[in-house]
Amino acid sequence: PPAVTGIEEGNIVEVIAGPFKGEKARVQRIDQAKEEVTVELFEAMVPIPITVRGDHVRVLEKEVN
C-alpha cells in the first residue's frame, strides 16, 4: 500500500525518521505519486514547509471536521 495511505491534509504527525525525527508537524500537502508529504514543523521559529517520505511520519491526530 502507498506510504501516504491514511494521511490527510491538516493531520498532526510526528516525524519518525531523518533529521527532523521526533518533531511534530501539521500536514500541508500530500503527493500521492511520489508518496511524499509536505509538513510544517511546530517547533520551527519560522514555519518552513519541508517534504518528507510518507513512511517517515506517523499520524498523531486526525483533523476533526
N, C-alpha and C. Protein backbone atom coordinates (compact mmCIF):
# COMPACT_ATOMS: atom_id res chain seq x y z
N PRO A 1 0.83 -1.21 0.00
CA PRO A 1 0.00 0.00 0.00
C PRO A 1 0.86 1.25 0.00
N PRO A 2 0.37 2.33 -0.59
CA PRO A 2 1.16 3.57 -0.60
C PRO A 2 1.47 4.05 0.81
N ALA A 3 2.63 4.66 0.97
CA ALA A 3 3.08 5.13 2.28
C ALA A 3 2.21 6.26 2.82
N VAL A 4 1.49 6.95 1.94
CA VAL A 4 0.70 8.10 2.38
C VAL A 4 -0.75 7.73 2.70
N THR A 5 -1.10 6.43 2.63
CA THR A 5 -2.45 5.99 2.93
C THR A 5 -2.80 6.34 4.37
N GLY A 6 -3.95 6.94 4.58
CA GLY A 6 -4.39 7.28 5.93
C GLY A 6 -3.91 8.64 6.41
N ILE A 7 -3.08 9.30 5.62
CA ILE A 7 -2.61 10.63 5.98
C ILE A 7 -3.44 11.64 5.20
N GLU A 8 -3.92 12.66 5.90
CA GLU A 8 -4.73 13.69 5.25
C GLU A 8 -4.17 15.06 5.58
N GLU A 9 -4.48 16.03 4.73
CA GLU A 9 -4.06 17.40 4.99
C GLU A 9 -4.69 17.86 6.30
N GLY A 10 -3.90 18.54 7.12
CA GLY A 10 -4.39 19.02 8.41
C GLY A 10 -4.08 18.08 9.55
N ASN A 11 -3.69 16.82 9.25
CA ASN A 11 -3.33 15.88 10.31
C ASN A 11 -2.12 16.39 11.07
N ILE A 12 -2.08 16.06 12.37
CA ILE A 12 -0.89 16.30 13.17
C ILE A 12 -0.07 15.01 13.10
N VAL A 13 1.20 15.15 12.73
CA VAL A 13 2.05 13.97 12.59
C VAL A 13 3.33 14.14 13.39
N GLU A 14 3.98 13.02 13.67
CA GLU A 14 5.31 13.04 14.26
C GLU A 14 6.25 12.48 13.21
N VAL A 15 7.38 13.17 13.03
CA VAL A 15 8.40 12.69 12.09
C VAL A 15 9.18 11.59 12.82
N ILE A 16 9.28 10.41 12.22
CA ILE A 16 9.89 9.27 12.90
C ILE A 16 11.22 8.85 12.28
N ALA A 17 11.69 9.61 11.30
CA ALA A 17 12.98 9.29 10.67
C ALA A 17 13.58 10.55 10.08
N GLY A 18 14.89 10.51 9.86
CA GLY A 18 15.55 11.64 9.21
C GLY A 18 15.97 12.72 10.20
N PRO A 19 16.43 13.85 9.69
CA PRO A 19 16.99 14.91 10.54
C PRO A 19 15.96 15.56 11.47
N PHE A 20 14.69 15.44 11.15
CA PHE A 20 13.65 16.07 11.98
C PHE A 20 12.94 15.06 12.88
N LYS A 21 13.58 13.91 13.11
CA LYS A 21 12.99 12.85 13.92
C LYS A 21 12.56 13.39 15.28
N GLY A 22 11.35 13.04 15.68
CA GLY A 22 10.83 13.47 16.97
C GLY A 22 10.06 14.78 16.92
N GLU A 23 10.13 15.48 15.80
CA GLU A 23 9.41 16.75 15.67
C GLU A 23 7.94 16.49 15.33
N LYS A 24 7.10 17.37 15.85
CA LYS A 24 5.68 17.30 15.49
C LYS A 24 5.40 18.34 14.42
N ALA A 25 4.48 18.02 13.54
CA ALA A 25 4.21 18.90 12.40
C ALA A 25 2.77 18.73 11.94
N ARG A 26 2.32 19.71 11.15
CA ARG A 26 0.99 19.63 10.54
C ARG A 26 1.16 19.37 9.04
N VAL A 27 0.37 18.44 8.52
CA VAL A 27 0.45 18.10 7.10
C VAL A 27 -0.16 19.23 6.27
N GLN A 28 0.62 19.72 5.31
CA GLN A 28 0.16 20.79 4.42
C GLN A 28 -0.34 20.23 3.09
N ARG A 29 0.42 19.27 2.55
CA ARG A 29 0.13 18.76 1.22
C ARG A 29 0.60 17.31 1.12
N ILE A 30 -0.07 16.56 0.27
CA ILE A 30 0.28 15.15 0.07
C ILE A 30 0.51 14.91 -1.42
N ASP A 31 1.63 14.29 -1.74
CA ASP A 31 1.92 13.92 -3.13
C ASP A 31 1.77 12.41 -3.24
N GLN A 32 0.61 11.98 -3.76
CA GLN A 32 0.33 10.54 -3.86
C GLN A 32 1.32 9.84 -4.78
N ALA A 33 1.67 10.49 -5.89
CA ALA A 33 2.54 9.87 -6.89
C ALA A 33 3.93 9.59 -6.33
N LYS A 34 4.49 10.56 -5.62
CA LYS A 34 5.84 10.40 -5.06
C LYS A 34 5.82 9.77 -3.67
N GLU A 35 4.61 9.60 -3.10
CA GLU A 35 4.46 9.09 -1.74
C GLU A 35 5.21 9.97 -0.75
N GLU A 36 5.05 11.28 -0.90
CA GLU A 36 5.68 12.24 0.00
C GLU A 36 4.62 13.13 0.62
N VAL A 37 4.94 13.65 1.80
CA VAL A 37 4.06 14.62 2.44
C VAL A 37 4.87 15.88 2.73
N THR A 38 4.22 17.03 2.55
CA THR A 38 4.83 18.30 2.91
C THR A 38 4.22 18.71 4.24
N VAL A 39 5.09 18.94 5.23
CA VAL A 39 4.63 19.27 6.58
C VAL A 39 5.26 20.58 7.03
N GLU A 40 4.63 21.19 8.04
CA GLU A 40 5.16 22.40 8.65
C GLU A 40 5.45 22.07 10.10
N LEU A 41 6.70 22.22 10.51
CA LEU A 41 7.10 21.88 11.88
C LEU A 41 6.54 22.89 12.87
N PHE A 42 6.06 22.40 14.02
CA PHE A 42 5.54 23.29 15.06
C PHE A 42 6.65 24.04 15.78
N GLU A 43 7.79 23.38 15.99
CA GLU A 43 8.85 23.96 16.81
C GLU A 43 9.68 25.00 16.08
N ALA A 44 9.56 25.06 14.77
CA ALA A 44 10.39 25.98 14.00
C ALA A 44 10.02 27.43 14.31
N MET A 45 11.04 28.29 14.42
CA MET A 45 10.80 29.72 14.66
C MET A 45 10.01 30.31 13.50
N VAL A 46 10.41 29.94 12.30
CA VAL A 46 9.72 30.39 11.09
C VAL A 46 9.10 29.16 10.46
N PRO A 47 7.79 29.17 10.20
CA PRO A 47 7.18 27.98 9.62
C PRO A 47 7.67 27.71 8.21
N ILE A 48 8.48 26.68 8.07
CA ILE A 48 9.04 26.32 6.77
C ILE A 48 8.44 24.98 6.36
N PRO A 49 7.84 24.91 5.18
CA PRO A 49 7.35 23.61 4.74
C PRO A 49 8.51 22.69 4.36
N ILE A 50 8.51 21.48 4.89
CA ILE A 50 9.52 20.51 4.50
C ILE A 50 8.81 19.29 3.93
N THR A 51 9.46 18.63 2.98
CA THR A 51 8.87 17.46 2.34
C THR A 51 9.61 16.22 2.83
N VAL A 52 8.85 15.26 3.34
CA VAL A 52 9.42 14.01 3.83
C VAL A 52 8.68 12.84 3.20
N ARG A 53 9.31 11.68 3.23
CA ARG A 53 8.65 10.49 2.71
C ARG A 53 7.45 10.13 3.59
N GLY A 54 6.44 9.59 2.96
CA GLY A 54 5.23 9.24 3.69
C GLY A 54 5.46 8.24 4.81
N ASP A 55 6.44 7.36 4.64
CA ASP A 55 6.70 6.37 5.69
C ASP A 55 7.62 6.92 6.78
N HIS A 56 7.96 8.20 6.70
CA HIS A 56 8.77 8.84 7.73
C HIS A 56 7.93 9.64 8.72
N VAL A 57 6.60 9.58 8.57
CA VAL A 57 5.74 10.27 9.52
C VAL A 57 4.71 9.30 10.08
N ARG A 58 4.27 9.60 11.30
CA ARG A 58 3.25 8.80 11.97
C ARG A 58 2.14 9.76 12.39
N VAL A 59 0.92 9.44 12.03
CA VAL A 59 -0.21 10.32 12.36
C VAL A 59 -0.50 10.25 13.86
N LEU A 60 -0.55 11.42 14.49
CA LEU A 60 -0.89 11.51 15.91
C LEU A 60 -2.36 11.88 16.08
N GLU A 61 -2.82 12.83 15.26
CA GLU A 61 -4.18 13.35 15.39
C GLU A 61 -4.79 13.57 14.03
N LYS A 62 -6.03 13.18 13.90
CA LYS A 62 -6.77 13.46 12.67
C LYS A 62 -7.44 14.82 12.81
N GLU A 63 -7.61 15.50 11.69
CA GLU A 63 -8.35 16.76 11.68
C GLU A 63 -9.82 16.44 11.96
N VAL A 64 -10.41 17.14 12.91
CA VAL A 64 -11.82 16.92 13.23
C VAL A 64 -12.66 17.90 12.43
N ASN A 65 -13.59 17.38 11.64
CA ASN A 65 -14.43 18.27 10.82
C ASN A 65 -15.67 18.70 11.58
